[in-house]
Amino acid sequence: MMGIVYDLEPHRGDMTDKRLRRELGREAAAFLSCYCARIKNEFDQLKRPLQFSVGIEYRLALTKSLDEADIVLSQGPDAGTAVQIAEIPKDSSKSHPNRQKEVIQKVKAAVPGLAINQHDIQCVNKAYDVKKRPEYFYQGKVKGSPAQYSQAFVDWLIQQHQRDGEFFSKAKAESKAAGR
């Protein structure tokens, strides 16, 4: 296994930038450009699988204790250091537009003849810790907010069933065996 790490500021990471190519040298820039293109192409061909990414989740809370913070906003060691926004909040109705009943409808529409219900989805949730996977699951903090699922979750369920026709039965058995 080989790992290549290069430290570039985001606005300087464009391999078509003449200044960057000049700084790196023609051969290194050409290599990195081809390498990045191959990785991106493979990532797209594989339909952007989760194995290519590392999920990093931070929750923002105001606290007086630095030990309880994931991220600390400060001026940094140099006075006047600029602070950048780490993430713009996402609209959960767009990122996770499906309630459980829509998930079931979409899976059934994609796999004719498949008989699944809410219990099947709940067993999958338990067996695969779906509620701990923000790319699949979201639930608002307001009491009574419905569980919401992403299209990626729907696609994943369909893919798992296509790989193994017993996927939902196995999830039920695993959920029951774990006593969850």
N, C-alpha and C. Protein backbone atom coordinates (compact mmCIF):
# COMPACT_ATOMS: atom_id res chain seq x y z
N MET A 1 0.85 -1.18 0.00
CA MET A 1 0.00 0.00 0.00
C MET A 1 0.89 1.23 0.00
N MET A 2 0.49 2.21 -0.76
CA MET A 2 1.27 3.44 -0.85
C MET A 2 0.38 4.61 -0.47
N GLY A 3 0.91 5.53 0.25
CA GLY A 3 0.18 6.74 0.60
C GLY A 3 0.95 7.95 0.12
N ILE A 4 0.24 8.85 -0.51
CA ILE A 4 0.85 10.11 -0.94
C ILE A 4 0.13 11.22 -0.21
N VAL A 5 0.90 12.03 0.47
CA VAL A 5 0.33 13.16 1.19
C VAL A 5 1.01 14.40 0.69
N TYR A 6 0.21 15.38 0.31
CA TYR A 6 0.79 16.65 -0.06
C TYR A 6 -0.01 17.74 0.63
N ASP A 7 0.67 18.70 1.15
CA ASP A 7 0.07 19.75 1.95
C ASP A 7 -0.08 21.00 1.09
N LEU A 8 -1.29 21.24 0.65
CA LEU A 8 -1.58 22.41 -0.18
C LEU A 8 -2.79 23.11 0.40
N GLU A 9 -2.80 24.40 0.30
CA GLU A 9 -3.99 25.14 0.67
C GLU A 9 -5.05 24.83 -0.37
N PRO A 10 -6.35 24.76 0.02
CA PRO A 10 -7.40 24.36 -0.92
C PRO A 10 -7.41 25.16 -2.22
N HIS A 11 -7.17 26.46 -2.13
CA HIS A 11 -7.23 27.27 -3.35
C HIS A 11 -5.98 27.08 -4.22
N ARG A 12 -5.00 26.35 -3.70
CA ARG A 12 -3.78 26.11 -4.47
C ARG A 12 -3.68 24.67 -4.95
N GLY A 13 -4.73 23.87 -4.77
CA GLY A 13 -4.68 22.46 -5.11
C GLY A 13 -5.04 22.12 -6.54
N ASP A 14 -5.26 23.11 -7.38
CA ASP A 14 -5.62 22.87 -8.77
C ASP A 14 -4.35 22.57 -9.58
N MET A 15 -4.25 21.35 -10.09
CA MET A 15 -3.04 20.95 -10.80
C MET A 15 -2.88 21.64 -12.15
N THR A 16 -3.90 22.36 -12.59
CA THR A 16 -3.75 23.11 -13.85
C THR A 16 -3.17 24.50 -13.60
N ASP A 17 -3.02 24.87 -12.34
CA ASP A 17 -2.44 26.17 -11.99
C ASP A 17 -0.96 26.20 -12.38
N LYS A 18 -0.60 27.12 -13.24
CA LYS A 18 0.77 27.20 -13.75
C LYS A 18 1.78 27.45 -12.63
N ARG A 19 1.41 28.28 -11.66
CA ARG A 19 2.32 28.58 -10.56
C ARG A 19 2.60 27.33 -9.73
N LEU A 20 1.56 26.55 -9.45
CA LEU A 20 1.74 25.31 -8.69
C LEU A 20 2.61 24.33 -9.48
N ARG A 21 2.34 24.20 -10.76
CA ARG A 21 3.13 23.29 -11.60
C ARG A 21 4.60 23.71 -11.60
N ARG A 22 4.83 25.01 -11.60
CA ARG A 22 6.20 25.53 -11.60
C ARG A 22 6.88 25.21 -10.25
N GLU A 23 6.14 25.37 -9.14
CA GLU A 23 6.70 25.10 -7.81
C GLU A 23 7.01 23.62 -7.62
N LEU A 24 6.11 22.75 -8.09
CA LEU A 24 6.30 21.32 -7.93
C LEU A 24 7.31 20.74 -8.90
N GLY A 25 7.39 21.36 -10.05
CA GLY A 25 8.21 20.79 -11.12
C GLY A 25 7.29 20.07 -12.09
N ARG A 26 7.70 20.03 -13.34
CA ARG A 26 6.85 19.47 -14.40
C ARG A 26 6.50 18.01 -14.14
N GLU A 27 7.48 17.20 -13.80
CA GLU A 27 7.23 15.76 -13.63
C GLU A 27 6.33 15.48 -12.42
N ALA A 28 6.61 16.13 -11.30
CA ALA A 28 5.80 15.90 -10.09
C ALA A 28 4.36 16.36 -10.31
N ALA A 29 4.17 17.51 -10.93
CA ALA A 29 2.83 18.02 -11.20
C ALA A 29 2.08 17.10 -12.15
N ALA A 30 2.77 16.61 -13.18
CA ALA A 30 2.12 15.70 -14.14
C ALA A 30 1.72 14.40 -13.45
N PHE A 31 2.63 13.87 -12.61
CA PHE A 31 2.33 12.64 -11.88
C PHE A 31 1.12 12.83 -10.97
N LEU A 32 1.13 13.91 -10.16
CA LEU A 32 0.02 14.15 -9.24
C LEU A 32 -1.28 14.39 -9.99
N SER A 33 -1.22 15.08 -11.09
CA SER A 33 -2.41 15.35 -11.88
C SER A 33 -3.02 14.03 -12.39
N CYS A 34 -2.20 13.16 -12.94
CA CYS A 34 -2.67 11.86 -13.44
C CYS A 34 -3.17 10.99 -12.28
N TYR A 35 -2.43 10.99 -11.19
CA TYR A 35 -2.78 10.18 -10.04
C TYR A 35 -4.14 10.61 -9.47
N CYS A 36 -4.32 11.92 -9.30
CA CYS A 36 -5.60 12.44 -8.78
C CYS A 36 -6.74 12.12 -9.74
N ALA A 37 -6.50 12.23 -11.03
CA ALA A 37 -7.53 11.93 -12.03
C ALA A 37 -7.92 10.45 -11.96
N ARG A 38 -6.93 9.56 -11.82
CA ARG A 38 -7.22 8.12 -11.73
C ARG A 38 -8.04 7.81 -10.48
N ILE A 39 -7.66 8.41 -9.35
CA ILE A 39 -8.40 8.16 -8.11
C ILE A 39 -9.84 8.68 -8.24
N LYS A 40 -9.99 9.88 -8.77
CA LYS A 40 -11.34 10.44 -8.95
C LYS A 40 -12.16 9.58 -9.89
N ASN A 41 -11.55 9.11 -10.98
CA ASN A 41 -12.25 8.28 -11.95
C ASN A 41 -12.69 6.96 -11.30
N GLU A 42 -11.80 6.33 -10.55
CA GLU A 42 -12.14 5.08 -9.88
C GLU A 42 -13.24 5.31 -8.85
N PHE A 43 -13.14 6.40 -8.11
CA PHE A 43 -14.15 6.76 -7.11
C PHE A 43 -15.53 6.91 -7.77
N ASP A 44 -15.56 7.60 -8.92
CA ASP A 44 -16.83 7.79 -9.64
C ASP A 44 -17.34 6.48 -10.23
N GLN A 45 -16.45 5.66 -10.78
CA GLN A 45 -16.85 4.39 -11.38
C GLN A 45 -17.44 3.44 -10.33
N LEU A 46 -16.90 3.51 -9.12
CA LEU A 46 -17.39 2.65 -8.04
C LEU A 46 -18.62 3.24 -7.34
N LYS A 47 -19.14 4.32 -7.90
CA LYS A 47 -20.34 5.00 -7.38
C LYS A 47 -20.11 5.55 -5.99
N ARG A 48 -18.94 6.14 -5.80
CA ARG A 48 -18.57 6.87 -4.58
C ARG A 48 -18.78 6.05 -3.30
N PRO A 49 -18.10 4.90 -3.19
CA PRO A 49 -18.30 4.05 -2.00
C PRO A 49 -17.72 4.68 -0.74
N LEU A 50 -18.26 4.24 0.37
CA LEU A 50 -17.84 4.78 1.67
C LEU A 50 -16.40 4.40 2.01
N GLN A 51 -15.88 3.32 1.39
CA GLN A 51 -14.53 2.88 1.70
C GLN A 51 -13.49 3.93 1.31
N PHE A 52 -13.84 4.87 0.43
CA PHE A 52 -12.92 5.90 0.00
C PHE A 52 -12.90 7.09 0.95
N SER A 53 -13.75 7.08 1.95
CA SER A 53 -13.84 8.27 2.79
C SER A 53 -13.73 7.91 4.26
N VAL A 54 -13.36 8.89 5.02
CA VAL A 54 -13.30 8.75 6.46
C VAL A 54 -14.27 9.78 7.03
N GLY A 55 -15.27 9.30 7.71
CA GLY A 55 -16.25 10.21 8.28
C GLY A 55 -15.70 10.92 9.50
N ILE A 56 -15.80 12.21 9.49
CA ILE A 56 -15.38 13.00 10.64
C ILE A 56 -16.56 13.86 11.04
N GLU A 57 -16.98 13.72 12.26
CA GLU A 57 -18.16 14.44 12.70
C GLU A 57 -17.83 15.28 13.92
N TYR A 58 -18.19 16.53 13.86
CA TYR A 58 -18.02 17.43 14.99
C TYR A 58 -19.37 18.04 15.31
N ARG A 59 -19.64 18.19 16.57
CA ARG A 59 -20.86 18.85 17.00
C ARG A 59 -20.44 20.15 17.67
N LEU A 60 -21.08 21.22 17.27
CA LEU A 60 -20.74 22.52 17.81
C LEU A 60 -21.57 22.80 19.05
N ALA A 61 -20.90 23.15 20.13
CA ALA A 61 -21.56 23.52 21.36
C ALA A 61 -20.73 24.60 22.02
N LEU A 62 -21.41 25.54 22.63
CA LEU A 62 -20.70 26.58 23.36
C LEU A 62 -20.44 26.05 24.76
N THR A 63 -19.18 26.08 25.14
CA THR A 63 -18.80 25.56 26.45
C THR A 63 -17.65 26.39 27.01
N LYS A 64 -17.58 26.46 28.30
CA LYS A 64 -16.48 27.19 28.93
C LYS A 64 -15.28 26.29 29.14
N SER A 65 -15.48 24.99 29.05
CA SER A 65 -14.40 24.04 29.28
C SER A 65 -13.76 23.64 27.96
N LEU A 66 -12.49 23.96 27.77
CA LEU A 66 -11.79 23.60 26.54
C LEU A 66 -11.70 22.08 26.37
N ASP A 67 -11.69 21.34 27.47
CA ASP A 67 -11.58 19.89 27.38
C ASP A 67 -12.82 19.24 26.76
N GLU A 68 -13.96 19.93 26.78
CA GLU A 68 -15.20 19.38 26.24
C GLU A 68 -15.40 19.76 24.78
N ALA A 69 -14.54 20.56 24.20
CA ALA A 69 -14.73 21.06 22.84
C ALA A 69 -14.04 20.20 21.80
N ASP A 70 -14.70 19.99 20.67
CA ASP A 70 -14.08 19.33 19.52
C ASP A 70 -13.25 20.34 18.74
N ILE A 71 -13.77 21.54 18.63
CA ILE A 71 -13.10 22.61 17.87
C ILE A 71 -13.07 23.85 18.76
N VAL A 72 -11.95 24.51 18.80
CA VAL A 72 -11.82 25.74 19.56
C VAL A 72 -11.54 26.87 18.58
N LEU A 73 -12.36 27.90 18.61
CA LEU A 73 -12.15 29.06 17.76
C LEU A 73 -11.36 30.09 18.57
N SER A 74 -10.24 30.48 18.02
CA SER A 74 -9.42 31.48 18.69
C SER A 74 -8.68 32.27 17.63
N GLN A 75 -7.92 33.25 18.08
CA GLN A 75 -7.12 34.00 17.13
C GLN A 75 -5.88 33.22 16.74
N GLY A 76 -5.58 32.19 17.45
CA GLY A 76 -4.40 31.39 17.14
C GLY A 76 -3.15 32.01 17.70
N PRO A 77 -2.00 31.43 17.39
CA PRO A 77 -0.76 31.93 17.95
C PRO A 77 -0.39 33.32 17.44
N ASP A 78 -0.80 33.64 16.23
CA ASP A 78 -0.51 34.95 15.66
C ASP A 78 -1.75 35.82 15.77
N ALA A 79 -1.62 36.99 16.34
CA ALA A 79 -2.76 37.90 16.44
C ALA A 79 -3.26 38.20 15.04
N GLY A 80 -4.56 38.18 14.88
CA GLY A 80 -5.14 38.52 13.59
C GLY A 80 -5.25 37.35 12.63
N THR A 81 -5.00 36.11 13.08
CA THR A 81 -5.15 34.95 12.22
C THR A 81 -6.62 34.81 11.84
N ALA A 82 -6.88 34.65 10.55
CA ALA A 82 -8.26 34.55 10.07
C ALA A 82 -8.86 33.20 10.47
N VAL A 83 -10.14 33.22 10.79
CA VAL A 83 -10.88 32.01 11.10
C VAL A 83 -11.78 31.70 9.93
N GLN A 84 -11.83 30.43 9.52
CA GLN A 84 -12.67 30.03 8.40
C GLN A 84 -13.85 29.22 8.92
N ILE A 85 -14.95 29.28 8.20
CA ILE A 85 -16.12 28.48 8.56
C ILE A 85 -15.81 27.04 8.19
N ALA A 86 -15.98 26.14 9.16
CA ALA A 86 -15.66 24.74 8.93
C ALA A 86 -16.73 24.03 8.11
N GLU A 87 -17.99 24.35 8.35
CA GLU A 87 -19.05 23.67 7.62
C GLU A 87 -20.30 24.55 7.63
N ILE A 88 -21.00 24.53 6.53
CA ILE A 88 -22.26 25.24 6.42
C ILE A 88 -23.36 24.23 6.74
N PRO A 89 -24.28 24.56 7.64
CA PRO A 89 -25.34 23.61 7.97
C PRO A 89 -26.10 23.16 6.73
N LYS A 90 -26.44 21.88 6.71
CA LYS A 90 -27.15 21.31 5.57
C LYS A 90 -28.64 21.21 5.90
N ASP A 91 -29.45 21.33 4.88
CA ASP A 91 -30.89 21.19 5.02
C ASP A 91 -31.21 19.70 5.02
N SER A 92 -31.64 19.18 6.17
CA SER A 92 -31.89 17.74 6.29
C SER A 92 -33.03 17.27 5.38
N SER A 93 -33.91 18.18 4.98
CA SER A 93 -34.98 17.76 4.07
C SER A 93 -34.43 17.48 2.68
N LYS A 94 -33.22 17.98 2.39
CA LYS A 94 -32.58 17.69 1.11
C LYS A 94 -31.57 16.56 1.24
N SER A 95 -30.80 16.53 2.32
CA SER A 95 -29.78 15.50 2.49
C SER A 95 -30.36 14.17 2.94
N HIS A 96 -31.46 14.19 3.67
CA HIS A 96 -32.11 12.98 4.19
C HIS A 96 -33.63 13.11 3.98
N PRO A 97 -34.09 13.05 2.73
CA PRO A 97 -35.49 13.36 2.42
C PRO A 97 -36.49 12.24 2.70
N ASN A 98 -36.03 11.07 3.09
CA ASN A 98 -36.93 9.92 3.21
C ASN A 98 -37.24 9.56 4.66
N ARG A 99 -38.54 9.41 4.92
CA ARG A 99 -38.93 8.80 6.19
C ARG A 99 -38.92 7.29 5.97
N GLN A 100 -39.13 6.54 7.00
CA GLN A 100 -39.07 5.08 6.89
C GLN A 100 -40.03 4.56 5.82
N LYS A 101 -41.24 5.12 5.76
CA LYS A 101 -42.21 4.60 4.79
C LYS A 101 -41.77 4.89 3.35
N GLU A 102 -41.09 6.03 3.11
CA GLU A 102 -40.59 6.29 1.76
C GLU A 102 -39.43 5.37 1.40
N VAL A 103 -38.61 5.05 2.40
CA VAL A 103 -37.51 4.10 2.18
C VAL A 103 -38.10 2.77 1.70
N ILE A 104 -39.10 2.30 2.40
CA ILE A 104 -39.74 1.02 2.06
C ILE A 104 -40.34 1.09 0.66
N GLN A 105 -41.04 2.17 0.35
CA GLN A 105 -41.65 2.32 -0.99
C GLN A 105 -40.60 2.30 -2.09
N LYS A 106 -39.50 3.02 -1.88
CA LYS A 106 -38.46 3.10 -2.90
C LYS A 106 -37.75 1.77 -3.09
N VAL A 107 -37.49 1.06 -2.00
CA VAL A 107 -36.83 -0.24 -2.11
C VAL A 107 -37.76 -1.22 -2.82
N LYS A 108 -39.03 -1.23 -2.47
CA LYS A 108 -39.99 -2.12 -3.12
C LYS A 108 -40.14 -1.79 -4.60
N ALA A 109 -40.10 -0.51 -4.94
CA ALA A 109 -40.21 -0.10 -6.35
C ALA A 109 -38.99 -0.56 -7.14
N ALA A 110 -37.83 -0.55 -6.51
CA ALA A 110 -36.60 -0.95 -7.19
C ALA A 110 -36.44 -2.47 -7.27
N VAL A 111 -37.06 -3.18 -6.32
CA VAL A 111 -36.94 -4.64 -6.28
C VAL A 111 -38.35 -5.24 -6.27
N PRO A 112 -38.96 -5.38 -7.44
CA PRO A 112 -40.32 -5.92 -7.50
C PRO A 112 -40.42 -7.30 -6.83
N GLY A 113 -41.49 -7.47 -6.09
CA GLY A 113 -41.72 -8.75 -5.41
C GLY A 113 -41.11 -8.84 -4.03
N LEU A 114 -40.29 -7.88 -3.65
CA LEU A 114 -39.67 -7.89 -2.32
C LEU A 114 -40.71 -7.45 -1.29
N ALA A 115 -40.89 -8.26 -0.28
CA ALA A 115 -41.84 -7.94 0.79
C ALA A 115 -41.06 -7.53 2.03
N ILE A 116 -40.97 -6.24 2.26
CA ILE A 116 -40.34 -5.73 3.48
C ILE A 116 -41.29 -4.77 4.16
N ASN A 117 -41.07 -4.57 5.46
CA ASN A 117 -41.91 -3.65 6.21
C ASN A 117 -41.05 -2.86 7.20
N GLN A 118 -41.70 -2.11 8.07
CA GLN A 118 -40.98 -1.27 9.03
C GLN A 118 -40.07 -2.11 9.94
N HIS A 119 -40.54 -3.26 10.31
CA HIS A 119 -39.74 -4.13 11.19
C HIS A 119 -38.41 -4.50 10.52
N ASP A 120 -38.45 -4.77 9.22
CA ASP A 120 -37.22 -5.10 8.49
C ASP A 120 -36.23 -3.94 8.54
N ILE A 121 -36.72 -2.73 8.33
CA ILE A 121 -35.84 -1.55 8.36
C ILE A 121 -35.29 -1.35 9.76
N GLN A 122 -36.12 -1.55 10.77
CA GLN A 122 -35.65 -1.40 12.16
C GLN A 122 -34.58 -2.44 12.49
N CYS A 123 -34.73 -3.64 11.97
CA CYS A 123 -33.72 -4.68 12.20
C CYS A 123 -32.40 -4.33 11.50
N VAL A 124 -32.49 -3.80 10.29
CA VAL A 124 -31.29 -3.36 9.58
C VAL A 124 -30.63 -2.24 10.37
N ASN A 125 -31.44 -1.29 10.87
CA ASN A 125 -30.91 -0.19 11.69
C ASN A 125 -30.10 -0.74 12.86
N LYS A 126 -30.66 -1.72 13.54
CA LYS A 126 -30.00 -2.28 14.72
C LYS A 126 -28.79 -3.12 14.35
N ALA A 127 -28.93 -3.97 13.36
CA ALA A 127 -27.84 -4.87 12.98
C ALA A 127 -26.63 -4.12 12.43
N TYR A 128 -26.86 -3.01 11.76
CA TYR A 128 -25.77 -2.28 11.11
C TYR A 128 -25.51 -0.90 11.71
N ASP A 129 -26.06 -0.64 12.88
CA ASP A 129 -25.87 0.65 13.56
C ASP A 129 -26.09 1.84 12.63
N VAL A 130 -27.15 1.77 11.86
CA VAL A 130 -27.44 2.81 10.87
C VAL A 130 -27.61 4.17 11.53
N LYS A 131 -28.16 4.20 12.72
CA LYS A 131 -28.41 5.48 13.39
C LYS A 131 -27.12 6.18 13.80
N LYS A 132 -26.00 5.49 13.74
CA LYS A 132 -24.70 6.09 14.03
C LYS A 132 -23.99 6.52 12.74
N ARG A 133 -24.65 6.40 11.62
CA ARG A 133 -24.04 6.73 10.33
C ARG A 133 -24.74 7.95 9.74
N PRO A 134 -24.17 9.13 9.94
CA PRO A 134 -24.83 10.36 9.50
C PRO A 134 -25.02 10.46 7.99
N GLU A 135 -24.28 9.67 7.22
CA GLU A 135 -24.50 9.70 5.78
C GLU A 135 -25.80 8.98 5.40
N TYR A 136 -26.34 8.17 6.34
CA TYR A 136 -27.58 7.43 6.10
C TYR A 136 -28.76 7.94 6.94
N PHE A 137 -28.49 8.41 8.14
CA PHE A 137 -29.56 8.66 9.10
C PHE A 137 -29.45 10.05 9.72
N TYR A 138 -30.60 10.66 9.92
CA TYR A 138 -30.66 11.95 10.61
C TYR A 138 -31.96 11.99 11.40
N GLN A 139 -31.87 12.52 12.61
CA GLN A 139 -33.08 12.78 13.39
C GLN A 139 -32.89 14.10 14.11
N GLY A 140 -33.82 14.99 13.90
CA GLY A 140 -33.76 16.30 14.53
C GLY A 140 -33.80 16.20 16.04
N LYS A 141 -33.34 17.24 16.69
CA LYS A 141 -33.28 17.25 18.15
C LYS A 141 -34.60 17.68 18.80
N VAL A 142 -35.52 18.19 17.99
CA VAL A 142 -36.82 18.60 18.51
C VAL A 142 -37.63 17.35 18.82
N LYS A 143 -38.21 17.30 20.01
CA LYS A 143 -38.99 16.15 20.43
C LYS A 143 -40.06 15.82 19.39
N GLY A 144 -40.13 14.55 19.01
CA GLY A 144 -41.13 14.11 18.04
C GLY A 144 -40.66 14.20 16.60
N SER A 145 -39.44 14.65 16.36
CA SER A 145 -38.93 14.73 14.99
C SER A 145 -38.83 13.32 14.41
N PRO A 146 -39.25 13.16 13.16
CA PRO A 146 -39.18 11.83 12.56
C PRO A 146 -37.75 11.46 12.18
N ALA A 147 -37.49 10.17 12.14
CA ALA A 147 -36.21 9.68 11.62
C ALA A 147 -36.21 9.94 10.12
N GLN A 148 -35.06 10.39 9.60
CA GLN A 148 -34.95 10.67 8.18
C GLN A 148 -33.76 9.92 7.62
N TYR A 149 -33.92 9.43 6.39
CA TYR A 149 -32.89 8.63 5.74
C TYR A 149 -32.48 9.26 4.42
N SER A 150 -31.23 9.09 4.07
CA SER A 150 -30.72 9.63 2.82
C SER A 150 -31.02 8.69 1.65
N GLN A 151 -30.89 9.21 0.45
CA GLN A 151 -31.02 8.37 -0.74
C GLN A 151 -29.89 7.34 -0.77
N ALA A 152 -28.74 7.70 -0.21
CA ALA A 152 -27.62 6.76 -0.15
C ALA A 152 -28.01 5.51 0.66
N PHE A 153 -28.82 5.69 1.70
CA PHE A 153 -29.28 4.55 2.49
C PHE A 153 -30.19 3.66 1.66
N VAL A 154 -31.11 4.27 0.92
CA VAL A 154 -32.00 3.51 0.04
C VAL A 154 -31.17 2.72 -0.96
N ASP A 155 -30.21 3.39 -1.59
CA ASP A 155 -29.35 2.73 -2.58
C ASP A 155 -28.56 1.59 -1.94
N TRP A 156 -28.08 1.82 -0.72
CA TRP A 156 -27.31 0.79 -0.01
C TRP A 156 -28.17 -0.43 0.27
N LEU A 157 -29.42 -0.21 0.73
CA LEU A 157 -30.32 -1.33 0.99
C LEU A 157 -30.56 -2.15 -0.28
N ILE A 158 -30.81 -1.47 -1.38
CA ILE A 158 -31.05 -2.15 -2.65
C ILE A 158 -29.82 -2.95 -3.05
N GLN A 159 -28.66 -2.33 -2.92
CA GLN A 159 -27.41 -2.98 -3.28
C GLN A 159 -27.16 -4.21 -2.41
N GLN A 160 -27.40 -4.10 -1.11
CA GLN A 160 -27.20 -5.23 -0.20
C GLN A 160 -28.13 -6.38 -0.55
N HIS A 161 -29.39 -6.07 -0.88
CA HIS A 161 -30.34 -7.12 -1.25
C HIS A 161 -29.94 -7.77 -2.56
N GLN A 162 -29.43 -6.98 -3.50
CA GLN A 162 -29.01 -7.55 -4.78
C GLN A 162 -27.80 -8.47 -4.60
N ARG A 163 -26.91 -8.14 -3.68
CA ARG A 163 -25.75 -8.98 -3.40
C ARG A 163 -26.15 -10.27 -2.68
N ASP A 164 -27.14 -10.14 -1.79
CA ASP A 164 -27.56 -11.28 -0.98
C ASP A 164 -29.07 -11.21 -0.79
N GLY A 165 -29.77 -12.11 -1.44
CA GLY A 165 -31.24 -12.12 -1.37
C GLY A 165 -31.78 -12.35 0.04
N GLU A 166 -30.93 -12.80 0.94
CA GLU A 166 -31.32 -13.05 2.32
C GLU A 166 -30.91 -11.91 3.25
N PHE A 167 -30.52 -10.78 2.69
CA PHE A 167 -30.00 -9.66 3.48
C PHE A 167 -30.95 -9.27 4.61
N PHE A 168 -32.22 -9.06 4.30
CA PHE A 168 -33.18 -8.61 5.32
C PHE A 168 -33.44 -9.71 6.36
N SER A 169 -33.49 -10.96 5.93
CA SER A 169 -33.67 -12.07 6.88
C SER A 169 -32.47 -12.17 7.81
N LYS A 170 -31.28 -12.03 7.27
CA LYS A 170 -30.07 -12.10 8.08
C LYS A 170 -30.02 -10.93 9.07
N ALA A 171 -30.46 -9.75 8.64
CA ALA A 171 -30.48 -8.59 9.53
C ALA A 171 -31.45 -8.84 10.69
N LYS A 172 -32.60 -9.45 10.40
CA LYS A 172 -33.56 -9.79 11.46
C LYS A 172 -32.93 -10.75 12.46
N ALA A 173 -32.28 -11.79 11.93
CA ALA A 173 -31.68 -12.80 12.80
C ALA A 173 -30.56 -12.18 13.64
N GLU A 174 -29.74 -11.34 13.02
CA GLU A 174 -28.64 -10.71 13.75
C GLU A 174 -29.16 -9.76 14.83
N SER A 175 -30.20 -9.02 14.49
CA SER A 175 -30.78 -8.09 15.46
C SER A 175 -31.37 -8.87 16.65
N LYS A 176 -32.04 -9.97 16.34
CA LYS A 176 -32.65 -10.78 17.40
C LYS A 176 -31.57 -11.45 18.26
N ALA A 177 -30.52 -11.97 17.62
CA ALA A 177 -29.45 -12.64 18.36
C ALA A 177 -28.70 -11.67 19.27
N ALA A 178 -28.57 -10.44 18.83
CA ALA A 178 -27.86 -9.45 19.64
C ALA A 178 -28.73 -8.93 20.76
N GLY A 179 -30.03 -9.26 20.70
CA GLY A 179 -30.94 -8.79 21.74
C GLY A 179 -31.16 -7.30 21.71
N ARG A 180 -31.03 -6.77 20.54
CA ARG A 180 -31.16 -5.30 20.41
C ARG A 180 -32.59 -4.93 20.23
